[in-house]
Amino acid sequence: MSRAPKKKLPTRPVREWSLSPAATLGSAVRAKGILLEVRAHLPFAERKLVDVESGMLVLSVPEDDLDDHLTTADTVTRKLQGIEELPVIPREVEDILTIKQAERHRWLKDGRLQSAGTRTVKLRGRARKITFHVFDPRHIEDVLDRGLPEIWREEDALAAAENRRRGAQKAALKKAGKLDRKSSQAADNKSGKEASPTLKGWDDFDLDGLLR
């Protein structure tokens, strides 16, 4: 039996902060990442008071809460200063550039996507840590503005086609080499048989006693 959704209590907005396109790079995933970054610097009890709505961070409190939470608002304002330079994490890169994980890995490996370093985080509720590459937002913005993902996909398709052609050519040459070796062996066997032909009438010759 499914549980009924928890009823959301009425709230009132206290403060709003607009997130610039330079900060979000047009990505809802990036906006969510900025929210999580800001929340990480707030007291645990205050974190859920700040949320992202339509490209804005909003501080909302229950209607019966008369406190304006000015300390929380000041912290959010301070953390949003220079937020445009917050490194871009992998899932944000994939959403901003509309690319697949495999493409991100491939383009990072060959240098087309340029790493700005690595970050290590601990997974929630687990002892295990993971390390991943992060990216300069201005580099990702440049890749997006120049439409490089589509160009890189075309380059990859051409390279894959060339690799298939070379592979087929190599396989054909290998097969031809095997056929040449088989033909050579067959010719050698035939030559050996011709070098020692069967002598007709040999048994009769032996029966006449001429070999004794």
N, C-alpha and C. Protein backbone atom coordinates (compact mmCIF):
# COMPACT_ATOMS: atom_id res chain seq x y z
N MET A 1 0.85 -1.20 0.00
CA MET A 1 0.00 0.00 0.00
C MET A 1 0.88 1.25 0.00
N SER A 2 0.68 2.12 -0.98
CA SER A 2 1.50 3.32 -1.09
C SER A 2 1.11 4.34 -0.03
N ARG A 3 2.13 5.04 0.44
CA ARG A 3 1.90 6.05 1.46
C ARG A 3 1.42 7.35 0.82
N ALA A 4 0.51 8.02 1.50
CA ALA A 4 0.00 9.29 0.99
C ALA A 4 1.11 10.33 1.05
N PRO A 5 1.21 11.19 0.02
CA PRO A 5 2.25 12.23 0.03
C PRO A 5 2.10 13.15 1.23
N LYS A 6 3.24 13.54 1.78
CA LYS A 6 3.22 14.41 2.94
C LYS A 6 2.71 15.79 2.56
N LYS A 7 1.74 16.28 3.32
CA LYS A 7 1.14 17.58 3.03
C LYS A 7 2.14 18.69 3.33
N LYS A 8 2.31 19.58 2.35
CA LYS A 8 3.25 20.68 2.51
C LYS A 8 2.58 21.83 3.24
N LEU A 9 3.22 22.29 4.29
CA LEU A 9 2.67 23.38 5.08
C LEU A 9 2.81 24.71 4.33
N PRO A 10 1.85 25.61 4.52
CA PRO A 10 1.93 26.94 3.86
C PRO A 10 3.19 27.68 4.30
N THR A 11 3.81 28.36 3.37
CA THR A 11 5.03 29.12 3.67
C THR A 11 4.91 30.54 3.15
N ARG A 12 5.79 31.38 3.61
CA ARG A 12 5.87 32.75 3.11
C ARG A 12 7.30 33.03 2.68
N PRO A 13 7.48 33.65 1.51
CA PRO A 13 8.84 33.98 1.05
C PRO A 13 9.44 35.11 1.87
N VAL A 14 10.69 34.96 2.21
CA VAL A 14 11.41 35.98 2.98
C VAL A 14 12.40 36.74 2.10
N ARG A 15 13.09 35.99 1.22
CA ARG A 15 14.14 36.62 0.39
C ARG A 15 14.31 35.81 -0.88
N GLU A 16 14.66 36.46 -1.98
CA GLU A 16 14.91 35.79 -3.25
C GLU A 16 16.23 36.29 -3.84
N TRP A 17 16.93 35.38 -4.53
CA TRP A 17 18.18 35.73 -5.21
C TRP A 17 18.11 35.20 -6.64
N SER A 18 18.31 36.07 -7.59
CA SER A 18 18.29 35.65 -8.99
C SER A 18 19.62 35.01 -9.36
N LEU A 19 19.56 33.90 -10.08
CA LEU A 19 20.77 33.23 -10.55
C LEU A 19 20.99 33.62 -12.01
N SER A 20 22.11 34.22 -12.30
CA SER A 20 22.39 34.71 -13.65
C SER A 20 22.67 33.55 -14.62
N PRO A 21 22.45 33.77 -15.92
CA PRO A 21 22.78 32.75 -16.92
C PRO A 21 24.25 32.34 -16.87
N ALA A 22 25.12 33.27 -16.50
CA ALA A 22 26.54 32.95 -16.39
C ALA A 22 26.79 31.96 -15.27
N ALA A 23 25.88 31.95 -14.27
CA ALA A 23 26.02 31.02 -13.15
C ALA A 23 25.43 29.66 -13.48
N THR A 24 24.23 29.64 -14.05
CA THR A 24 23.54 28.36 -14.31
C THR A 24 23.90 27.75 -15.65
N LEU A 25 24.39 28.59 -16.59
CA LEU A 25 24.70 28.14 -17.96
C LEU A 25 23.48 27.47 -18.60
N GLY A 26 22.30 27.95 -18.21
CA GLY A 26 21.06 27.45 -18.80
C GLY A 26 20.66 26.07 -18.34
N SER A 27 21.23 25.61 -17.25
CA SER A 27 20.99 24.23 -16.79
C SER A 27 20.28 24.19 -15.45
N ALA A 28 19.16 23.46 -15.40
CA ALA A 28 18.45 23.27 -14.13
C ALA A 28 19.28 22.42 -13.18
N VAL A 29 20.07 21.50 -13.75
CA VAL A 29 20.94 20.65 -12.93
C VAL A 29 22.02 21.51 -12.28
N ARG A 30 22.56 22.46 -13.03
CA ARG A 30 23.57 23.38 -12.49
C ARG A 30 22.95 24.26 -11.40
N ALA A 31 21.71 24.74 -11.61
CA ALA A 31 21.03 25.54 -10.59
C ALA A 31 20.85 24.73 -9.31
N LYS A 32 20.51 23.45 -9.46
CA LYS A 32 20.37 22.58 -8.29
C LYS A 32 21.71 22.39 -7.60
N GLY A 33 22.78 22.31 -8.38
CA GLY A 33 24.12 22.17 -7.81
C GLY A 33 24.52 23.40 -7.00
N ILE A 34 24.14 24.58 -7.51
CA ILE A 34 24.42 25.82 -6.77
C ILE A 34 23.65 25.82 -5.45
N LEU A 35 22.40 25.37 -5.52
CA LEU A 35 21.59 25.28 -4.30
C LEU A 35 22.27 24.39 -3.25
N LEU A 36 22.73 23.21 -3.69
CA LEU A 36 23.37 22.29 -2.76
C LEU A 36 24.65 22.88 -2.18
N GLU A 37 25.38 23.63 -3.01
CA GLU A 37 26.60 24.28 -2.54
C GLU A 37 26.28 25.30 -1.46
N VAL A 38 25.22 26.07 -1.67
CA VAL A 38 24.81 27.08 -0.68
C VAL A 38 24.31 26.40 0.59
N ARG A 39 23.47 25.38 0.43
CA ARG A 39 22.92 24.67 1.60
C ARG A 39 24.02 24.07 2.47
N ALA A 40 25.11 23.64 1.84
CA ALA A 40 26.18 22.99 2.59
C ALA A 40 26.81 23.91 3.62
N HIS A 41 26.61 25.22 3.47
CA HIS A 41 27.20 26.19 4.40
C HIS A 41 26.17 26.75 5.38
N LEU A 42 25.00 26.13 5.41
CA LEU A 42 23.95 26.56 6.34
C LEU A 42 23.80 25.54 7.47
N PRO A 43 23.32 25.97 8.62
CA PRO A 43 23.00 25.02 9.68
C PRO A 43 21.99 24.00 9.16
N PHE A 44 22.10 22.77 9.64
CA PHE A 44 21.26 21.69 9.12
C PHE A 44 19.77 22.05 9.18
N ALA A 45 19.33 22.66 10.28
CA ALA A 45 17.91 22.98 10.45
C ALA A 45 17.43 24.05 9.47
N GLU A 46 18.37 24.81 8.89
CA GLU A 46 17.99 25.91 8.00
C GLU A 46 18.04 25.52 6.52
N ARG A 47 18.65 24.40 6.21
CA ARG A 47 18.92 24.06 4.81
C ARG A 47 17.66 23.94 3.96
N LYS A 48 16.63 23.30 4.49
CA LYS A 48 15.42 23.08 3.69
C LYS A 48 14.60 24.36 3.50
N LEU A 49 14.97 25.42 4.20
CA LEU A 49 14.27 26.69 4.03
C LEU A 49 14.65 27.36 2.70
N VAL A 50 15.79 26.98 2.16
CA VAL A 50 16.26 27.56 0.89
C VAL A 50 16.05 26.54 -0.22
N ASP A 51 15.43 27.00 -1.31
CA ASP A 51 15.17 26.10 -2.44
C ASP A 51 15.37 26.88 -3.73
N VAL A 52 15.33 26.16 -4.85
CA VAL A 52 15.48 26.81 -6.15
C VAL A 52 14.15 26.75 -6.89
N GLU A 53 13.73 27.88 -7.42
CA GLU A 53 12.47 27.98 -8.14
C GLU A 53 12.64 28.90 -9.34
N SER A 54 12.42 28.35 -10.52
CA SER A 54 12.47 29.16 -11.76
C SER A 54 13.75 29.99 -11.87
N GLY A 55 14.87 29.36 -11.63
CA GLY A 55 16.15 30.05 -11.77
C GLY A 55 16.46 31.02 -10.67
N MET A 56 15.79 30.88 -9.53
CA MET A 56 16.05 31.76 -8.39
C MET A 56 16.19 30.93 -7.12
N LEU A 57 17.03 31.39 -6.21
CA LEU A 57 17.05 30.81 -4.87
C LEU A 57 16.05 31.56 -4.01
N VAL A 58 15.25 30.80 -3.28
CA VAL A 58 14.19 31.40 -2.49
C VAL A 58 14.30 30.92 -1.04
N LEU A 59 14.28 31.87 -0.13
CA LEU A 59 14.23 31.56 1.30
C LEU A 59 12.79 31.70 1.75
N SER A 60 12.17 30.56 2.09
CA SER A 60 10.78 30.54 2.53
C SER A 60 10.70 29.92 3.92
N VAL A 61 9.80 30.45 4.72
CA VAL A 61 9.62 29.93 6.09
C VAL A 61 8.14 29.65 6.31
N PRO A 62 7.80 28.80 7.28
CA PRO A 62 6.38 28.55 7.58
C PRO A 62 5.67 29.86 7.90
N GLU A 63 4.39 29.92 7.55
CA GLU A 63 3.62 31.15 7.74
C GLU A 63 3.58 31.60 9.20
N ASP A 64 3.59 30.62 10.10
CA ASP A 64 3.53 31.00 11.51
C ASP A 64 4.90 31.31 12.11
N ASP A 65 5.95 31.26 11.25
CA ASP A 65 7.30 31.59 11.71
C ASP A 65 7.54 33.08 11.46
N LEU A 66 7.61 33.85 12.51
CA LEU A 66 7.75 35.30 12.39
C LEU A 66 9.20 35.75 12.26
N ASP A 67 10.12 34.80 12.38
CA ASP A 67 11.55 35.11 12.26
C ASP A 67 11.90 35.26 10.78
N ASP A 68 12.62 36.31 10.42
CA ASP A 68 13.03 36.51 9.02
C ASP A 68 14.34 35.80 8.68
N HIS A 69 14.92 35.12 9.64
CA HIS A 69 16.14 34.31 9.43
C HIS A 69 17.21 35.14 8.70
N LEU A 70 17.52 36.28 9.24
CA LEU A 70 18.47 37.19 8.60
C LEU A 70 19.87 36.60 8.52
N THR A 71 20.25 35.81 9.51
CA THR A 71 21.58 35.19 9.47
C THR A 71 21.69 34.24 8.30
N THR A 72 20.62 33.46 8.07
CA THR A 72 20.59 32.54 6.93
C THR A 72 20.64 33.32 5.62
N ALA A 73 19.86 34.39 5.54
CA ALA A 73 19.84 35.21 4.32
C ALA A 73 21.21 35.80 4.05
N ASP A 74 21.89 36.27 5.08
CA ASP A 74 23.23 36.85 4.91
C ASP A 74 24.21 35.79 4.41
N THR A 75 24.09 34.57 4.94
CA THR A 75 24.99 33.48 4.51
C THR A 75 24.78 33.16 3.04
N VAL A 76 23.51 33.08 2.61
CA VAL A 76 23.21 32.80 1.21
C VAL A 76 23.78 33.90 0.32
N THR A 77 23.56 35.17 0.71
CA THR A 77 24.08 36.29 -0.08
C THR A 77 25.60 36.22 -0.21
N ARG A 78 26.26 35.88 0.87
CA ARG A 78 27.72 35.80 0.86
C ARG A 78 28.20 34.65 -0.04
N LYS A 79 27.52 33.50 0.03
CA LYS A 79 27.95 32.34 -0.76
C LYS A 79 27.68 32.53 -2.25
N LEU A 80 26.73 33.39 -2.59
CA LEU A 80 26.42 33.61 -4.01
C LEU A 80 27.37 34.59 -4.67
N GLN A 81 28.20 35.25 -3.90
CA GLN A 81 29.19 36.16 -4.48
C GLN A 81 30.25 35.34 -5.23
N GLY A 82 30.38 35.60 -6.52
CA GLY A 82 31.34 34.86 -7.33
C GLY A 82 30.91 33.45 -7.66
N ILE A 83 29.62 33.16 -7.51
CA ILE A 83 29.13 31.79 -7.75
C ILE A 83 29.31 31.38 -9.22
N GLU A 84 29.46 32.38 -10.12
CA GLU A 84 29.67 32.06 -11.54
C GLU A 84 30.94 31.26 -11.77
N GLU A 85 31.89 31.35 -10.83
CA GLU A 85 33.16 30.63 -10.98
C GLU A 85 33.17 29.28 -10.27
N LEU A 86 32.03 28.87 -9.72
CA LEU A 86 31.95 27.56 -9.07
C LEU A 86 32.26 26.47 -10.08
N PRO A 87 33.24 25.58 -9.82
CA PRO A 87 33.57 24.52 -10.78
C PRO A 87 32.35 23.69 -11.16
N VAL A 88 32.32 23.26 -12.40
CA VAL A 88 31.20 22.48 -12.93
C VAL A 88 31.51 20.99 -12.72
N ILE A 89 30.57 20.28 -12.12
CA ILE A 89 30.77 18.85 -11.86
C ILE A 89 30.23 18.03 -13.03
N PRO A 90 30.60 16.73 -13.12
CA PRO A 90 30.26 15.93 -14.30
C PRO A 90 28.80 15.92 -14.71
N ARG A 91 27.87 15.69 -13.77
CA ARG A 91 26.46 15.62 -14.18
C ARG A 91 25.97 16.96 -14.72
N GLU A 92 26.56 18.06 -14.24
CA GLU A 92 26.20 19.37 -14.76
C GLU A 92 26.74 19.56 -16.18
N VAL A 93 27.96 19.10 -16.42
CA VAL A 93 28.55 19.18 -17.76
C VAL A 93 27.67 18.45 -18.77
N GLU A 94 27.23 17.26 -18.40
CA GLU A 94 26.41 16.45 -19.31
C GLU A 94 25.09 17.15 -19.62
N ASP A 95 24.51 17.81 -18.62
CA ASP A 95 23.24 18.50 -18.85
C ASP A 95 23.44 19.79 -19.66
N ILE A 96 24.47 20.55 -19.34
CA ILE A 96 24.73 21.82 -20.04
C ILE A 96 25.02 21.57 -21.51
N LEU A 97 25.86 20.58 -21.79
CA LEU A 97 26.29 20.32 -23.18
C LEU A 97 25.40 19.30 -23.89
N THR A 98 24.44 18.72 -23.17
CA THR A 98 23.56 17.68 -23.70
C THR A 98 24.40 16.55 -24.30
N ILE A 99 25.26 15.99 -23.49
CA ILE A 99 26.13 14.89 -23.93
C ILE A 99 25.93 13.69 -23.02
N LYS A 100 26.43 12.54 -23.50
CA LYS A 100 26.34 11.31 -22.72
C LYS A 100 27.59 11.14 -21.86
N GLN A 101 27.45 10.29 -20.87
CA GLN A 101 28.59 10.04 -19.97
C GLN A 101 29.79 9.51 -20.74
N ALA A 102 29.55 8.61 -21.70
CA ALA A 102 30.65 8.03 -22.48
C ALA A 102 31.38 9.11 -23.27
N GLU A 103 30.62 10.08 -23.81
CA GLU A 103 31.25 11.18 -24.55
C GLU A 103 32.09 12.05 -23.63
N ARG A 104 31.58 12.31 -22.43
CA ARG A 104 32.36 13.10 -21.47
C ARG A 104 33.67 12.41 -21.14
N HIS A 105 33.61 11.11 -20.89
CA HIS A 105 34.83 10.37 -20.57
C HIS A 105 35.82 10.39 -21.75
N ARG A 106 35.31 10.17 -22.96
CA ARG A 106 36.18 10.11 -24.14
C ARG A 106 36.83 11.46 -24.41
N TRP A 107 36.04 12.53 -24.36
CA TRP A 107 36.56 13.86 -24.68
C TRP A 107 37.47 14.38 -23.57
N LEU A 108 37.24 13.94 -22.35
CA LEU A 108 38.16 14.31 -21.26
C LEU A 108 39.49 13.59 -21.44
N LYS A 109 39.42 12.32 -21.82
CA LYS A 109 40.63 11.51 -21.98
C LYS A 109 41.52 12.05 -23.10
N ASP A 110 40.91 12.50 -24.22
CA ASP A 110 41.74 12.96 -25.35
C ASP A 110 42.01 14.47 -25.29
N GLY A 111 41.55 15.14 -24.22
CA GLY A 111 41.91 16.54 -24.01
C GLY A 111 40.99 17.57 -24.60
N ARG A 112 39.93 17.14 -25.27
CA ARG A 112 39.01 18.13 -25.83
C ARG A 112 38.22 18.83 -24.72
N LEU A 113 37.83 18.06 -23.70
CA LEU A 113 37.29 18.66 -22.48
C LEU A 113 38.45 18.80 -21.50
N GLN A 114 38.67 19.98 -20.99
CA GLN A 114 39.84 20.24 -20.16
C GLN A 114 39.46 20.24 -18.67
N SER A 115 40.10 19.35 -17.93
CA SER A 115 39.85 19.26 -16.49
C SER A 115 40.43 20.47 -15.76
N ALA A 116 39.71 20.91 -14.74
CA ALA A 116 40.21 21.99 -13.89
C ALA A 116 40.67 21.44 -12.54
N GLY A 117 40.85 20.13 -12.47
CA GLY A 117 41.27 19.49 -11.23
C GLY A 117 40.29 18.40 -10.83
N THR A 118 40.46 17.89 -9.64
CA THR A 118 39.58 16.83 -9.15
C THR A 118 39.00 17.22 -7.79
N ARG A 119 37.90 16.55 -7.46
CA ARG A 119 37.26 16.75 -6.16
C ARG A 119 36.94 15.37 -5.58
N THR A 120 37.14 15.22 -4.29
CA THR A 120 36.82 13.97 -3.61
C THR A 120 35.71 14.23 -2.61
N VAL A 121 34.65 13.42 -2.69
CA VAL A 121 33.52 13.58 -1.77
C VAL A 121 33.15 12.23 -1.19
N LYS A 122 32.54 12.27 -0.04
CA LYS A 122 32.05 11.07 0.61
C LYS A 122 30.57 10.91 0.30
N LEU A 123 30.20 9.71 -0.16
CA LEU A 123 28.81 9.46 -0.48
C LEU A 123 27.97 9.44 0.79
N ARG A 124 26.79 9.99 0.69
CA ARG A 124 25.92 10.09 1.86
C ARG A 124 25.59 8.70 2.43
N GLY A 125 25.82 8.53 3.72
CA GLY A 125 25.50 7.28 4.39
C GLY A 125 26.47 6.15 4.11
N ARG A 126 27.60 6.46 3.46
CA ARG A 126 28.58 5.42 3.14
C ARG A 126 29.98 5.87 3.56
N ALA A 127 30.82 4.86 3.78
CA ALA A 127 32.21 5.17 4.15
C ALA A 127 33.04 5.44 2.90
N ARG A 128 32.57 4.96 1.76
CA ARG A 128 33.33 5.07 0.52
C ARG A 128 33.35 6.51 0.00
N LYS A 129 34.50 6.89 -0.55
CA LYS A 129 34.66 8.21 -1.17
C LYS A 129 34.86 8.04 -2.66
N ILE A 130 34.47 9.04 -3.42
CA ILE A 130 34.69 9.02 -4.86
C ILE A 130 35.44 10.29 -5.28
N THR A 131 36.25 10.17 -6.30
CA THR A 131 37.01 11.30 -6.84
C THR A 131 36.61 11.49 -8.30
N PHE A 132 36.36 12.72 -8.69
CA PHE A 132 35.94 13.00 -10.06
C PHE A 132 36.54 14.32 -10.53
N HIS A 133 36.58 14.50 -11.84
CA HIS A 133 37.09 15.73 -12.44
C HIS A 133 36.03 16.83 -12.37
N VAL A 134 36.48 18.05 -12.20
CA VAL A 134 35.61 19.22 -12.29
C VAL A 134 36.13 20.11 -13.42
N PHE A 135 35.28 21.05 -13.85
CA PHE A 135 35.61 21.84 -15.04
C PHE A 135 35.40 23.33 -14.79
N ASP A 136 36.22 24.13 -15.45
CA ASP A 136 36.09 25.59 -15.37
C ASP A 136 34.80 25.99 -16.10
N PRO A 137 33.91 26.72 -15.43
CA PRO A 137 32.65 27.10 -16.08
C PRO A 137 32.83 27.91 -17.36
N ARG A 138 33.90 28.71 -17.42
CA ARG A 138 34.13 29.51 -18.63
C ARG A 138 34.54 28.60 -19.81
N HIS A 139 35.26 27.53 -19.50
CA HIS A 139 35.63 26.58 -20.56
C HIS A 139 34.38 25.87 -21.07
N ILE A 140 33.51 25.44 -20.16
CA ILE A 140 32.28 24.76 -20.56
C ILE A 140 31.38 25.72 -21.34
N GLU A 141 31.33 26.98 -20.93
CA GLU A 141 30.55 27.99 -21.64
C GLU A 141 31.07 28.17 -23.06
N ASP A 142 32.40 28.17 -23.22
CA ASP A 142 33.01 28.31 -24.55
C ASP A 142 32.68 27.11 -25.44
N VAL A 143 32.76 25.92 -24.87
CA VAL A 143 32.42 24.70 -25.62
C VAL A 143 30.97 24.76 -26.08
N LEU A 144 30.09 25.22 -25.20
CA LEU A 144 28.67 25.33 -25.53
C LEU A 144 28.43 26.37 -26.61
N ASP A 145 29.01 27.56 -26.45
CA ASP A 145 28.77 28.65 -27.39
C ASP A 145 29.28 28.32 -28.80
N ARG A 146 30.35 27.57 -28.88
CA ARG A 146 30.93 27.23 -30.19
C ARG A 146 30.32 25.97 -30.80
N GLY A 147 29.38 25.35 -30.08
CA GLY A 147 28.73 24.14 -30.62
C GLY A 147 29.69 22.99 -30.84
N LEU A 148 30.70 22.89 -29.99
CA LEU A 148 31.74 21.89 -30.19
C LEU A 148 31.27 20.43 -30.03
N PRO A 149 30.30 20.13 -29.17
CA PRO A 149 29.87 18.73 -29.06
C PRO A 149 29.44 18.13 -30.40
N GLU A 150 28.70 18.89 -31.21
CA GLU A 150 28.26 18.37 -32.51
C GLU A 150 29.46 18.15 -33.43
N ILE A 151 30.41 19.08 -33.40
CA ILE A 151 31.62 18.94 -34.23
C ILE A 151 32.40 17.72 -33.79
N TRP A 152 32.55 17.53 -32.48
CA TRP A 152 33.30 16.40 -31.96
C TRP A 152 32.62 15.07 -32.30
N ARG A 153 31.29 15.06 -32.29
CA ARG A 153 30.58 13.84 -32.65
C ARG A 153 30.85 13.46 -34.11
N GLU A 154 30.86 14.47 -34.98
CA GLU A 154 31.15 14.22 -36.40
C GLU A 154 32.58 13.70 -36.56
N GLU A 155 33.51 14.29 -35.83
CA GLU A 155 34.90 13.83 -35.88
C GLU A 155 35.01 12.38 -35.40
N ASP A 156 34.29 12.05 -34.34
CA ASP A 156 34.33 10.69 -33.79
C ASP A 156 33.72 9.69 -34.77
N ALA A 157 32.64 10.11 -35.45
CA ALA A 157 31.99 9.22 -36.43
C ALA A 157 32.93 8.93 -37.60
N LEU A 158 33.63 9.97 -38.07
CA LEU A 158 34.58 9.79 -39.17
C LEU A 158 35.74 8.89 -38.74
N ALA A 159 36.23 9.11 -37.52
CA ALA A 159 37.34 8.29 -37.01
C ALA A 159 36.91 6.84 -36.85
N ALA A 160 35.68 6.62 -36.39
CA ALA A 160 35.18 5.25 -36.22
C ALA A 160 35.04 4.56 -37.57
N ALA A 161 34.55 5.30 -38.58
CA ALA A 161 34.41 4.74 -39.93
C ALA A 161 35.77 4.38 -40.50
N GLU A 162 36.76 5.25 -40.28
CA GLU A 162 38.12 4.98 -40.76
C GLU A 162 38.72 3.77 -40.06
N ASN A 163 38.47 3.65 -38.76
CA ASN A 163 38.98 2.49 -38.03
C ASN A 163 38.34 1.19 -38.53
N ARG A 164 37.04 1.26 -38.84
CA ARG A 164 36.37 0.07 -39.38
C ARG A 164 36.94 -0.31 -40.75
N ARG A 165 37.22 0.72 -41.57
CA ARG A 165 37.78 0.45 -42.90
C ARG A 165 39.16 -0.19 -42.78
N ARG A 166 39.98 0.36 -41.88
CA ARG A 166 41.31 -0.20 -41.69
C ARG A 166 41.25 -1.61 -41.11
N GLY A 167 40.29 -1.82 -40.20
CA GLY A 167 40.13 -3.15 -39.63
C GLY A 167 39.73 -4.17 -40.68
N ALA A 168 38.80 -3.78 -41.57
CA ALA A 168 38.36 -4.67 -42.63
C ALA A 168 39.51 -4.96 -43.60
N GLN A 169 40.30 -3.90 -43.90
CA GLN A 169 41.43 -4.08 -44.80
C GLN A 169 42.48 -5.01 -44.19
N LYS A 170 42.73 -4.83 -42.90
CA LYS A 170 43.69 -5.67 -42.20
C LYS A 170 43.23 -7.12 -42.17
N ALA A 171 41.93 -7.32 -41.93
CA ALA A 171 41.38 -8.68 -41.91
C ALA A 171 41.47 -9.32 -43.28
N ALA A 172 41.23 -8.52 -44.33
CA ALA A 172 41.31 -9.06 -45.70
C ALA A 172 42.74 -9.46 -46.04
N LEU A 173 43.70 -8.62 -45.63
CA LEU A 173 45.10 -8.94 -45.89
C LEU A 173 45.53 -10.19 -45.12
N LYS A 174 45.06 -10.31 -43.91
CA LYS A 174 45.38 -11.49 -43.09
C LYS A 174 44.81 -12.75 -43.71
N LYS A 175 43.56 -12.63 -44.19
CA LYS A 175 42.92 -13.77 -44.84
C LYS A 175 43.64 -14.14 -46.13
N ALA A 176 44.03 -13.10 -46.88
CA ALA A 176 44.76 -13.36 -48.13
C ALA A 176 46.10 -14.02 -47.85
N GLY A 177 46.76 -13.61 -46.76
CA GLY A 177 48.03 -14.21 -46.38
C GLY A 177 47.87 -15.68 -46.04
N LYS A 178 46.80 -16.01 -45.33
CA LYS A 178 46.54 -17.42 -45.00
C LYS A 178 46.28 -18.24 -46.26
N LEU A 179 45.52 -17.66 -47.20
CA LEU A 179 45.25 -18.36 -48.45
C LEU A 179 46.52 -18.58 -49.24
N ASP A 180 47.41 -17.55 -49.23
CA ASP A 180 48.68 -17.69 -49.95
C ASP A 180 49.53 -18.79 -49.33
N ARG A 181 49.54 -18.87 -48.00
CA ARG A 181 50.32 -19.92 -47.33
C ARG A 181 49.76 -21.30 -47.65
N LYS A 182 48.43 -21.42 -47.67
CA LYS A 182 47.80 -22.71 -48.01
C LYS A 182 48.13 -23.11 -49.44
N SER A 183 48.07 -22.12 -50.34
CA SER A 183 48.40 -22.40 -51.75
C SER A 183 49.85 -22.83 -51.89
N SER A 184 50.74 -22.16 -51.15
CA SER A 184 52.16 -22.50 -51.19
C SER A 184 52.41 -23.91 -50.66
N GLN A 185 51.73 -24.23 -49.53
CA GLN A 185 51.89 -25.57 -48.96
C GLN A 185 51.36 -26.64 -49.91
N ALA A 186 50.23 -26.34 -50.56
CA ALA A 186 49.67 -27.30 -51.50
C ALA A 186 50.62 -27.51 -52.68
N ALA A 187 51.23 -26.42 -53.13
CA ALA A 187 52.18 -26.52 -54.25
C ALA A 187 53.40 -27.32 -53.84
N ASP A 188 53.89 -27.11 -52.61
CA ASP A 188 55.05 -27.86 -52.13
C ASP A 188 54.74 -29.35 -52.03
N ASN A 189 53.54 -29.67 -51.55
CA ASN A 189 53.14 -31.08 -51.43
C ASN A 189 53.05 -31.73 -52.80
N LYS A 190 52.48 -30.99 -53.76
CA LYS A 190 52.36 -31.53 -55.11
C LYS A 190 53.71 -31.73 -55.75
N SER A 191 54.63 -30.80 -55.51
CA SER A 191 55.97 -30.89 -56.06
C SER A 191 56.70 -32.10 -55.49
N GLY A 192 56.49 -32.36 -54.19
CA GLY A 192 57.13 -33.51 -53.55
C GLY A 192 56.66 -34.82 -54.14
N LYS A 193 55.37 -34.88 -54.43
CA LYS A 193 54.82 -36.11 -55.02
C LYS A 193 55.35 -36.33 -56.42
N GLU A 194 55.50 -35.25 -57.18
CA GLU A 194 56.01 -35.38 -58.54
C GLU A 194 57.48 -35.78 -58.55
N ALA A 195 58.22 -35.40 -57.50
CA ALA A 195 59.65 -35.73 -57.45
C ALA A 195 59.89 -37.22 -57.22
N SER A 196 58.94 -37.93 -56.64
CA SER A 196 59.09 -39.39 -56.44
C SER A 196 57.89 -40.11 -57.01
N PRO A 197 57.83 -40.22 -58.37
CA PRO A 197 56.67 -40.82 -59.04
C PRO A 197 56.62 -42.33 -58.79
N THR A 198 55.43 -42.89 -58.90
CA THR A 198 55.22 -44.33 -58.75
C THR A 198 55.72 -45.04 -60.01
N LEU A 199 56.55 -46.10 -59.87
CA LEU A 199 57.10 -46.84 -61.01
C LEU A 199 56.16 -47.97 -61.37
N LYS A 200 55.59 -47.91 -62.56
CA LYS A 200 54.68 -48.95 -63.02
C LYS A 200 55.46 -50.22 -63.39
N GLY A 201 54.87 -51.41 -63.12
CA GLY A 201 55.50 -52.69 -63.49
C GLY A 201 56.63 -53.10 -62.58
N TRP A 202 56.84 -52.40 -61.50
CA TRP A 202 57.95 -52.70 -60.59
C TRP A 202 57.81 -54.08 -59.98
N ASP A 203 56.55 -54.45 -59.60
CA ASP A 203 56.34 -55.77 -59.00
C ASP A 203 56.70 -56.89 -59.96
N ASP A 204 56.32 -56.75 -61.25
CA ASP A 204 56.66 -57.77 -62.25
C ASP A 204 58.16 -57.88 -62.45
N PHE A 205 58.81 -56.73 -62.41
CA PHE A 205 60.25 -56.69 -62.57
C PHE A 205 60.93 -57.45 -61.43
N ASP A 206 60.36 -57.33 -60.23
CA ASP A 206 60.92 -57.99 -59.07
C ASP A 206 60.68 -59.50 -59.15
N LEU A 207 59.49 -59.88 -59.69
CA LEU A 207 59.16 -61.29 -59.76
C LEU A 207 60.09 -62.04 -60.73
N ASP A 208 60.60 -61.40 -61.72
CA ASP A 208 61.50 -62.03 -62.68
C ASP A 208 62.85 -62.31 -62.11
N GLY A 209 63.08 -61.89 -60.90
CA GLY A 209 64.36 -62.17 -60.24
C GLY A 209 65.49 -61.32 -60.67
N LEU A 210 65.18 -60.25 -61.33
CA LEU A 210 66.26 -59.40 -61.84
C LEU A 210 66.90 -58.54 -60.76
N LEU A 211 66.25 -58.46 -59.57
CA LEU A 211 66.83 -57.67 -58.50
C LEU A 211 67.66 -58.51 -57.56
N ARG A 212 67.70 -59.85 -57.80
CA ARG A 212 68.46 -60.70 -56.91
C ARG A 212 69.88 -60.86 -57.41
